[in-house]
Structures are given as C-alpha cells and as structure tokens.
N, C-alpha and C. Protein backbone atom coordinates (compact mmCIF):
# COMPACT_ATOMS: atom_id res chain seq x y z
N MET A 1 -3.29 -15.21 13.89
CA MET A 1 -4.49 -15.04 13.11
C MET A 1 -4.76 -16.36 12.40
N ASN A 2 -5.94 -16.82 12.51
CA ASN A 2 -6.32 -18.08 11.90
C ASN A 2 -6.50 -17.87 10.40
N GLU A 3 -5.78 -18.63 9.59
CA GLU A 3 -5.83 -18.49 8.13
C GLU A 3 -7.24 -18.72 7.60
N ASN A 4 -7.99 -19.63 8.20
CA ASN A 4 -9.34 -19.91 7.73
C ASN A 4 -10.26 -18.71 7.93
N ILE A 5 -10.09 -18.01 9.04
CA ILE A 5 -10.93 -16.83 9.29
C ILE A 5 -10.58 -15.72 8.31
N SER A 6 -9.29 -15.46 8.12
CA SER A 6 -8.87 -14.33 7.28
C SER A 6 -9.28 -14.52 5.83
N GLN A 7 -9.48 -15.76 5.39
CA GLN A 7 -9.85 -15.99 4.00
C GLN A 7 -11.31 -15.62 3.74
N HIS A 8 -12.09 -15.40 4.75
CA HIS A 8 -13.48 -15.00 4.54
C HIS A 8 -13.61 -13.53 4.18
N PHE A 9 -12.64 -12.72 4.57
CA PHE A 9 -12.66 -11.31 4.22
C PHE A 9 -12.08 -11.15 2.83
N LYS A 10 -12.86 -10.59 1.93
CA LYS A 10 -12.39 -10.42 0.54
C LYS A 10 -12.62 -8.99 0.09
N PHE A 11 -11.69 -8.50 -0.71
CA PHE A 11 -11.82 -7.20 -1.36
C PHE A 11 -11.40 -7.42 -2.80
N PHE A 12 -12.31 -7.18 -3.72
CA PHE A 12 -12.09 -7.50 -5.13
C PHE A 12 -11.68 -8.96 -5.30
N GLY A 13 -12.27 -9.83 -4.49
CA GLY A 13 -12.00 -11.25 -4.56
C GLY A 13 -10.69 -11.69 -3.93
N LEU A 14 -9.99 -10.78 -3.30
CA LEU A 14 -8.69 -11.09 -2.70
C LEU A 14 -8.75 -10.96 -1.19
N ASN A 15 -8.08 -11.89 -0.49
CA ASN A 15 -7.96 -11.69 0.94
C ASN A 15 -6.94 -10.58 1.18
N ALA A 16 -6.80 -10.13 2.40
CA ALA A 16 -5.97 -8.97 2.71
C ALA A 16 -4.50 -9.19 2.33
N ILE A 17 -4.00 -10.38 2.52
CA ILE A 17 -2.60 -10.64 2.18
C ILE A 17 -2.39 -10.56 0.67
N ASN A 18 -3.25 -11.22 -0.07
CA ASN A 18 -3.12 -11.17 -1.53
C ASN A 18 -3.35 -9.76 -2.06
N PHE A 19 -4.27 -9.02 -1.46
CA PHE A 19 -4.48 -7.63 -1.86
C PHE A 19 -3.22 -6.81 -1.59
N SER A 20 -2.55 -7.08 -0.47
CA SER A 20 -1.31 -6.39 -0.13
C SER A 20 -0.23 -6.69 -1.16
N ILE A 21 -0.16 -7.93 -1.59
CA ILE A 21 0.83 -8.31 -2.60
C ILE A 21 0.53 -7.59 -3.92
N VAL A 22 -0.72 -7.58 -4.33
CA VAL A 22 -1.09 -6.88 -5.56
C VAL A 22 -0.78 -5.39 -5.45
N PHE A 23 -1.12 -4.79 -4.31
CA PHE A 23 -0.84 -3.37 -4.09
C PHE A 23 0.66 -3.10 -4.17
N SER A 24 1.46 -3.96 -3.55
CA SER A 24 2.91 -3.75 -3.55
C SER A 24 3.49 -3.88 -4.95
N VAL A 25 3.02 -4.85 -5.72
CA VAL A 25 3.50 -5.01 -7.09
C VAL A 25 3.11 -3.78 -7.92
N PHE A 26 1.91 -3.25 -7.67
CA PHE A 26 1.50 -2.03 -8.36
C PHE A 26 2.44 -0.88 -8.02
N LEU A 27 2.74 -0.68 -6.74
CA LEU A 27 3.64 0.40 -6.33
C LEU A 27 5.04 0.24 -6.94
N ILE A 28 5.55 -0.97 -6.88
CA ILE A 28 6.88 -1.24 -7.43
C ILE A 28 6.90 -0.93 -8.92
N THR A 29 5.92 -1.43 -9.62
CA THR A 29 5.83 -1.23 -11.07
C THR A 29 5.65 0.24 -11.41
N TRP A 30 4.76 0.91 -10.69
CA TRP A 30 4.50 2.33 -10.94
C TRP A 30 5.79 3.15 -10.83
N GLY A 31 6.53 2.94 -9.75
CA GLY A 31 7.76 3.68 -9.55
C GLY A 31 8.75 3.49 -10.68
N ILE A 32 8.88 2.25 -11.14
CA ILE A 32 9.82 1.96 -12.23
C ILE A 32 9.33 2.58 -13.53
N ILE A 33 8.05 2.43 -13.83
CA ILE A 33 7.50 2.98 -15.08
C ILE A 33 7.61 4.50 -15.09
N VAL A 34 7.26 5.16 -14.00
CA VAL A 34 7.33 6.62 -13.94
C VAL A 34 8.78 7.09 -14.09
N SER A 35 9.70 6.39 -13.45
CA SER A 35 11.12 6.76 -13.56
C SER A 35 11.61 6.66 -15.00
N VAL A 36 11.25 5.58 -15.66
CA VAL A 36 11.67 5.38 -17.05
C VAL A 36 10.95 6.36 -17.98
N ALA A 37 9.62 6.46 -17.84
CA ALA A 37 8.84 7.31 -18.74
C ALA A 37 9.20 8.78 -18.62
N SER A 38 9.53 9.21 -17.42
CA SER A 38 9.85 10.61 -17.21
C SER A 38 11.33 10.92 -17.47
N GLY A 39 12.12 9.87 -17.62
CA GLY A 39 13.56 10.06 -17.79
C GLY A 39 14.21 10.64 -16.55
N SER A 40 13.60 10.38 -15.41
CA SER A 40 14.08 10.96 -14.16
C SER A 40 15.43 10.38 -13.75
N ASN A 41 16.31 11.26 -13.34
CA ASN A 41 17.58 10.85 -12.76
C ASN A 41 17.54 10.93 -11.25
N SER A 42 16.36 11.24 -10.71
CA SER A 42 16.20 11.42 -9.27
C SER A 42 15.68 10.13 -8.64
N VAL A 43 16.27 9.77 -7.53
CA VAL A 43 15.84 8.58 -6.81
C VAL A 43 14.42 8.76 -6.24
N THR A 44 13.98 10.00 -6.10
CA THR A 44 12.65 10.24 -5.53
C THR A 44 11.53 9.70 -6.41
N SER A 45 11.79 9.54 -7.70
CA SER A 45 10.75 8.98 -8.56
C SER A 45 10.50 7.51 -8.25
N LEU A 46 11.43 6.91 -7.52
CA LEU A 46 11.28 5.50 -7.13
C LEU A 46 10.68 5.33 -5.74
N ILE A 47 10.21 6.40 -5.13
CA ILE A 47 9.62 6.28 -3.79
C ILE A 47 8.49 5.25 -3.74
N PRO A 48 7.57 5.22 -4.72
CA PRO A 48 6.55 4.16 -4.66
C PRO A 48 7.17 2.76 -4.66
N THR A 49 8.23 2.57 -5.42
CA THR A 49 8.91 1.28 -5.46
C THR A 49 9.51 0.96 -4.09
N PHE A 50 10.15 1.96 -3.47
CA PHE A 50 10.77 1.75 -2.16
C PHE A 50 9.74 1.42 -1.09
N LEU A 51 8.53 1.94 -1.22
CA LEU A 51 7.46 1.61 -0.28
C LEU A 51 6.82 0.26 -0.61
N GLY A 52 6.77 -0.07 -1.88
CA GLY A 52 6.17 -1.34 -2.30
C GLY A 52 7.00 -2.56 -1.93
N ILE A 53 8.31 -2.41 -1.95
CA ILE A 53 9.18 -3.56 -1.67
C ILE A 53 8.96 -4.15 -0.27
N PRO A 54 8.98 -3.34 0.79
CA PRO A 54 8.73 -3.96 2.11
C PRO A 54 7.31 -4.50 2.25
N ILE A 55 6.34 -3.85 1.62
CA ILE A 55 4.97 -4.38 1.67
C ILE A 55 4.94 -5.76 1.02
N PHE A 56 5.60 -5.88 -0.13
CA PHE A 56 5.65 -7.16 -0.83
C PHE A 56 6.32 -8.24 0.02
N ILE A 57 7.50 -7.92 0.53
CA ILE A 57 8.27 -8.91 1.31
C ILE A 57 7.52 -9.33 2.56
N LEU A 58 7.01 -8.37 3.32
CA LEU A 58 6.30 -8.70 4.56
C LEU A 58 5.00 -9.46 4.29
N SER A 59 4.29 -9.09 3.23
CA SER A 59 3.05 -9.79 2.88
C SER A 59 3.35 -11.23 2.47
N LEU A 60 4.40 -11.40 1.68
CA LEU A 60 4.78 -12.74 1.24
C LEU A 60 5.20 -13.60 2.43
N ILE A 61 5.99 -13.03 3.33
CA ILE A 61 6.41 -13.78 4.53
C ILE A 61 5.19 -14.15 5.37
N SER A 62 4.23 -13.22 5.49
CA SER A 62 3.04 -13.53 6.31
C SER A 62 2.19 -14.61 5.66
N LYS A 63 2.26 -14.72 4.35
CA LYS A 63 1.54 -15.78 3.64
C LYS A 63 2.23 -17.13 3.86
N ILE A 64 3.54 -17.11 3.88
CA ILE A 64 4.32 -18.34 4.06
C ILE A 64 4.30 -18.81 5.51
N PHE A 65 4.34 -17.85 6.44
CA PHE A 65 4.36 -18.17 7.87
C PHE A 65 3.13 -17.56 8.55
N PRO A 66 1.99 -18.25 8.51
CA PRO A 66 0.75 -17.70 9.08
C PRO A 66 0.85 -17.34 10.55
N ASN A 67 1.76 -17.97 11.29
CA ASN A 67 1.90 -17.64 12.72
C ASN A 67 2.48 -16.24 12.92
N LEU A 68 3.10 -15.66 11.90
CA LEU A 68 3.64 -14.30 11.97
C LEU A 68 2.71 -13.27 11.31
N GLN A 69 1.61 -13.75 10.77
CA GLN A 69 0.73 -12.92 9.96
C GLN A 69 0.24 -11.68 10.69
N LYS A 70 -0.21 -11.81 11.91
CA LYS A 70 -0.77 -10.67 12.64
C LYS A 70 0.26 -9.56 12.78
N MET A 71 1.44 -9.90 13.25
CA MET A 71 2.48 -8.91 13.45
C MET A 71 2.92 -8.28 12.12
N LEU A 72 3.16 -9.12 11.12
CA LEU A 72 3.66 -8.62 9.84
C LEU A 72 2.64 -7.73 9.13
N MET A 73 1.38 -8.11 9.20
CA MET A 73 0.36 -7.30 8.52
C MET A 73 0.15 -5.96 9.23
N HIS A 74 0.41 -5.91 10.53
CA HIS A 74 0.37 -4.62 11.21
C HIS A 74 1.53 -3.73 10.77
N ILE A 75 2.67 -4.33 10.52
CA ILE A 75 3.80 -3.56 9.99
C ILE A 75 3.51 -3.12 8.55
N VAL A 76 2.88 -3.99 7.78
CA VAL A 76 2.53 -3.66 6.40
C VAL A 76 1.65 -2.42 6.34
N ILE A 77 0.68 -2.32 7.25
CA ILE A 77 -0.21 -1.15 7.20
C ILE A 77 0.55 0.13 7.54
N ILE A 78 1.63 0.03 8.29
CA ILE A 78 2.46 1.22 8.55
C ILE A 78 3.05 1.72 7.23
N PHE A 79 3.51 0.81 6.38
CA PHE A 79 4.02 1.21 5.08
C PHE A 79 2.90 1.75 4.19
N GLY A 80 1.70 1.21 4.34
CA GLY A 80 0.55 1.77 3.62
C GLY A 80 0.26 3.18 4.07
N LEU A 81 0.37 3.41 5.37
CA LEU A 81 0.16 4.75 5.92
C LEU A 81 1.25 5.71 5.43
N LEU A 82 2.48 5.25 5.39
CA LEU A 82 3.58 6.07 4.86
C LEU A 82 3.34 6.42 3.39
N THR A 83 2.78 5.48 2.65
CA THR A 83 2.44 5.73 1.25
C THR A 83 1.41 6.85 1.16
N THR A 84 0.39 6.79 2.00
CA THR A 84 -0.65 7.81 2.01
C THR A 84 -0.08 9.17 2.40
N ILE A 85 0.73 9.19 3.44
CA ILE A 85 1.32 10.44 3.92
C ILE A 85 2.24 11.04 2.86
N GLY A 86 3.05 10.18 2.24
CA GLY A 86 3.94 10.66 1.17
C GLY A 86 3.15 11.24 0.01
N GLY A 87 2.06 10.60 -0.32
CA GLY A 87 1.21 11.08 -1.41
C GLY A 87 0.48 12.37 -1.07
N ALA A 88 0.27 12.61 0.21
CA ALA A 88 -0.42 13.83 0.64
C ALA A 88 0.37 15.09 0.27
N ASP A 89 1.64 14.93 -0.06
CA ASP A 89 2.45 16.06 -0.52
C ASP A 89 1.86 16.67 -1.79
N PHE A 90 1.03 15.93 -2.48
CA PHE A 90 0.30 16.44 -3.65
C PHE A 90 -0.45 17.72 -3.29
N PHE A 91 -1.03 17.74 -2.11
CA PHE A 91 -1.85 18.88 -1.69
C PHE A 91 -1.01 20.11 -1.39
N ARG A 92 0.25 19.92 -1.03
CA ARG A 92 1.14 21.06 -0.84
C ARG A 92 1.30 21.82 -2.16
N GLY A 93 1.51 21.07 -3.24
CA GLY A 93 1.61 21.70 -4.56
C GLY A 93 0.32 22.39 -4.96
N LEU A 94 -0.79 21.78 -4.59
CA LEU A 94 -2.09 22.38 -4.89
C LEU A 94 -2.26 23.69 -4.13
N ILE A 95 -1.91 23.71 -2.87
CA ILE A 95 -2.05 24.90 -2.03
C ILE A 95 -1.05 25.98 -2.44
N MET A 96 0.18 25.58 -2.77
CA MET A 96 1.23 26.54 -3.12
C MET A 96 1.07 27.09 -4.54
N GLY A 97 0.17 26.49 -5.31
CA GLY A 97 -0.07 26.98 -6.66
C GLY A 97 0.93 26.50 -7.69
N ASN A 98 1.72 25.50 -7.36
CA ASN A 98 2.67 24.97 -8.34
C ASN A 98 2.34 23.53 -8.73
N LEU A 99 1.06 23.21 -8.68
CA LEU A 99 0.60 21.88 -9.05
C LEU A 99 0.89 21.64 -10.54
N MET A 100 1.36 20.50 -10.83
CA MET A 100 1.67 20.02 -12.17
C MET A 100 2.87 20.71 -12.81
N ASN A 101 3.71 21.36 -11.99
CA ASN A 101 5.00 21.83 -12.52
C ASN A 101 5.84 20.63 -12.95
N ASN A 102 5.72 19.55 -12.19
CA ASN A 102 6.34 18.28 -12.56
C ASN A 102 5.19 17.26 -12.59
N VAL A 103 4.65 17.06 -13.79
CA VAL A 103 3.45 16.23 -13.94
C VAL A 103 3.66 14.83 -13.40
N TRP A 104 4.79 14.21 -13.72
CA TRP A 104 5.03 12.84 -13.27
C TRP A 104 5.09 12.74 -11.75
N ALA A 105 5.76 13.68 -11.12
CA ALA A 105 5.87 13.67 -9.66
C ALA A 105 4.50 13.87 -9.02
N ASP A 106 3.73 14.82 -9.55
CA ASP A 106 2.41 15.09 -8.97
C ASP A 106 1.44 13.93 -9.21
N LEU A 107 1.51 13.31 -10.37
CA LEU A 107 0.67 12.13 -10.62
C LEU A 107 1.05 11.00 -9.68
N SER A 108 2.34 10.85 -9.45
CA SER A 108 2.81 9.80 -8.55
C SER A 108 2.32 10.06 -7.12
N LYS A 109 2.41 11.29 -6.69
CA LYS A 109 1.94 11.64 -5.34
C LYS A 109 0.44 11.40 -5.20
N LEU A 110 -0.32 11.82 -6.21
CA LEU A 110 -1.77 11.62 -6.16
C LEU A 110 -2.11 10.12 -6.14
N MET A 111 -1.40 9.36 -6.96
CA MET A 111 -1.62 7.92 -6.98
C MET A 111 -1.30 7.32 -5.61
N MET A 112 -0.18 7.73 -5.02
CA MET A 112 0.19 7.20 -3.71
C MET A 112 -0.85 7.56 -2.66
N PHE A 113 -1.35 8.78 -2.69
CA PHE A 113 -2.34 9.20 -1.71
C PHE A 113 -3.63 8.39 -1.84
N LEU A 114 -4.15 8.30 -3.06
CA LEU A 114 -5.44 7.61 -3.26
C LEU A 114 -5.33 6.11 -3.02
N THR A 115 -4.31 5.48 -3.58
CA THR A 115 -4.18 4.03 -3.39
C THR A 115 -3.78 3.70 -1.96
N GLY A 116 -2.97 4.57 -1.35
CA GLY A 116 -2.60 4.35 0.05
C GLY A 116 -3.81 4.41 0.97
N LEU A 117 -4.69 5.39 0.69
CA LEU A 117 -5.94 5.48 1.46
C LEU A 117 -6.78 4.21 1.31
N LEU A 118 -6.92 3.76 0.07
CA LEU A 118 -7.69 2.55 -0.19
C LEU A 118 -7.06 1.36 0.51
N PHE A 119 -5.75 1.25 0.41
CA PHE A 119 -5.05 0.14 1.04
C PHE A 119 -5.25 0.14 2.56
N CYS A 120 -5.09 1.29 3.19
CA CYS A 120 -5.29 1.39 4.64
C CYS A 120 -6.73 1.04 5.01
N TYR A 121 -7.67 1.51 4.22
CA TYR A 121 -9.08 1.20 4.47
C TYR A 121 -9.31 -0.32 4.43
N VAL A 122 -8.79 -0.97 3.41
CA VAL A 122 -8.97 -2.42 3.27
C VAL A 122 -8.32 -3.15 4.45
N CYS A 123 -7.12 -2.74 4.83
CA CYS A 123 -6.45 -3.39 5.96
C CYS A 123 -7.23 -3.20 7.26
N ILE A 124 -7.72 -2.00 7.49
CA ILE A 124 -8.50 -1.74 8.71
C ILE A 124 -9.78 -2.56 8.71
N GLN A 125 -10.45 -2.64 7.56
CA GLN A 125 -11.66 -3.46 7.47
C GLN A 125 -11.34 -4.93 7.74
N HIS A 126 -10.21 -5.37 7.25
CA HIS A 126 -9.78 -6.74 7.49
C HIS A 126 -9.54 -6.98 8.98
N PHE A 127 -8.80 -6.06 9.63
CA PHE A 127 -8.54 -6.21 11.06
C PHE A 127 -9.84 -6.21 11.86
N ARG A 128 -10.77 -5.33 11.50
CA ARG A 128 -12.06 -5.28 12.19
C ARG A 128 -12.84 -6.58 11.99
N PHE A 129 -12.81 -7.10 10.77
CA PHE A 129 -13.50 -8.36 10.47
C PHE A 129 -12.95 -9.49 11.34
N ILE A 130 -11.63 -9.57 11.43
CA ILE A 130 -11.01 -10.62 12.23
C ILE A 130 -11.42 -10.51 13.69
N ARG A 131 -11.40 -9.29 14.21
CA ARG A 131 -11.80 -9.09 15.62
C ARG A 131 -13.25 -9.50 15.85
N LYS A 132 -14.14 -9.15 14.93
CA LYS A 132 -15.54 -9.54 15.06
C LYS A 132 -15.69 -11.05 15.01
N MET A 133 -14.94 -11.70 14.12
CA MET A 133 -15.02 -13.16 14.00
C MET A 133 -14.52 -13.82 15.28
N LYS A 134 -13.43 -13.30 15.84
CA LYS A 134 -12.90 -13.87 17.07
C LYS A 134 -13.86 -13.66 18.23
N ALA A 135 -14.55 -12.53 18.24
CA ALA A 135 -15.52 -12.24 19.31
C ALA A 135 -16.72 -13.19 19.22
N ASN A 136 -17.01 -13.66 18.01
CA ASN A 136 -18.16 -14.55 17.82
C ASN A 136 -17.82 -16.01 18.06
N ILE A 137 -16.55 -16.31 18.26
CA ILE A 137 -16.14 -17.72 18.45
C ILE A 137 -16.39 -18.14 19.88
C-alpha cells in the first residue's frame, strides 16, 4: 500500500493507521479503567485491553514498516471484528432480560459493540478508498 495514497483517507483528521492506534489506546485504557473502577477480580473485565493490545502493536508495526501495511491492517480489522462480536453479547443480556445486572460488564460490551462497528466501518472505507485510488492510477 502506498503511504502517500493512504494519507488521503481521513476520519476525524486521522489516517486509518493513526485511527487504529487511537482506537487501540482507547480499548486498552477502557479495560484498565473499568477493571479498577468496578473492583473486578475477573480477567474478563480486561477483554477490551486484550483486544486493543494486538491492534496497537500491529498498527504501530504497519506504520513503521509500510511494506507490511496491507497485510497487517487486514489482520487489525479481524481484531476490530472480534471486538464487535464480543460486544454483541450485550444483546444477549437484553434478550434474556438480565441487562444491567452487571453495569460495568454491560457498558463495556455496549462500548465494544459500538466502537468496534465504527472501527470496522472506517477500515472498510479506507480499504475501498485505496482500491478506488489504485484503479484510477
């Protein structure tokens, strides 16, 4: 992927790689804050952190090594999709009628679902933009 082309696609003023880094830092921070604020002794409260770490690492590597960018960013979107799928568990609680029995867990799931959807949307738009630019060259 040509770095010059990818810099033309912006979302909130960020290219896809920088947006991925911001998203990953948000996930990592969210998981830590929720774990501390809720006093959780469960590792599951850190699921956003566990999903954010590979997104951060892969995004950073793709920024450092542009020749690996295409492959790494495709892997990154898989973690974004996993974030969305994990967050979709929010709807199970909604359907089962036990929504907000654990407020922190349900807020975390909802956050993962909504931000994961947004992240996947931005990545897909970025990939589409790159393909259109390459088709026009």
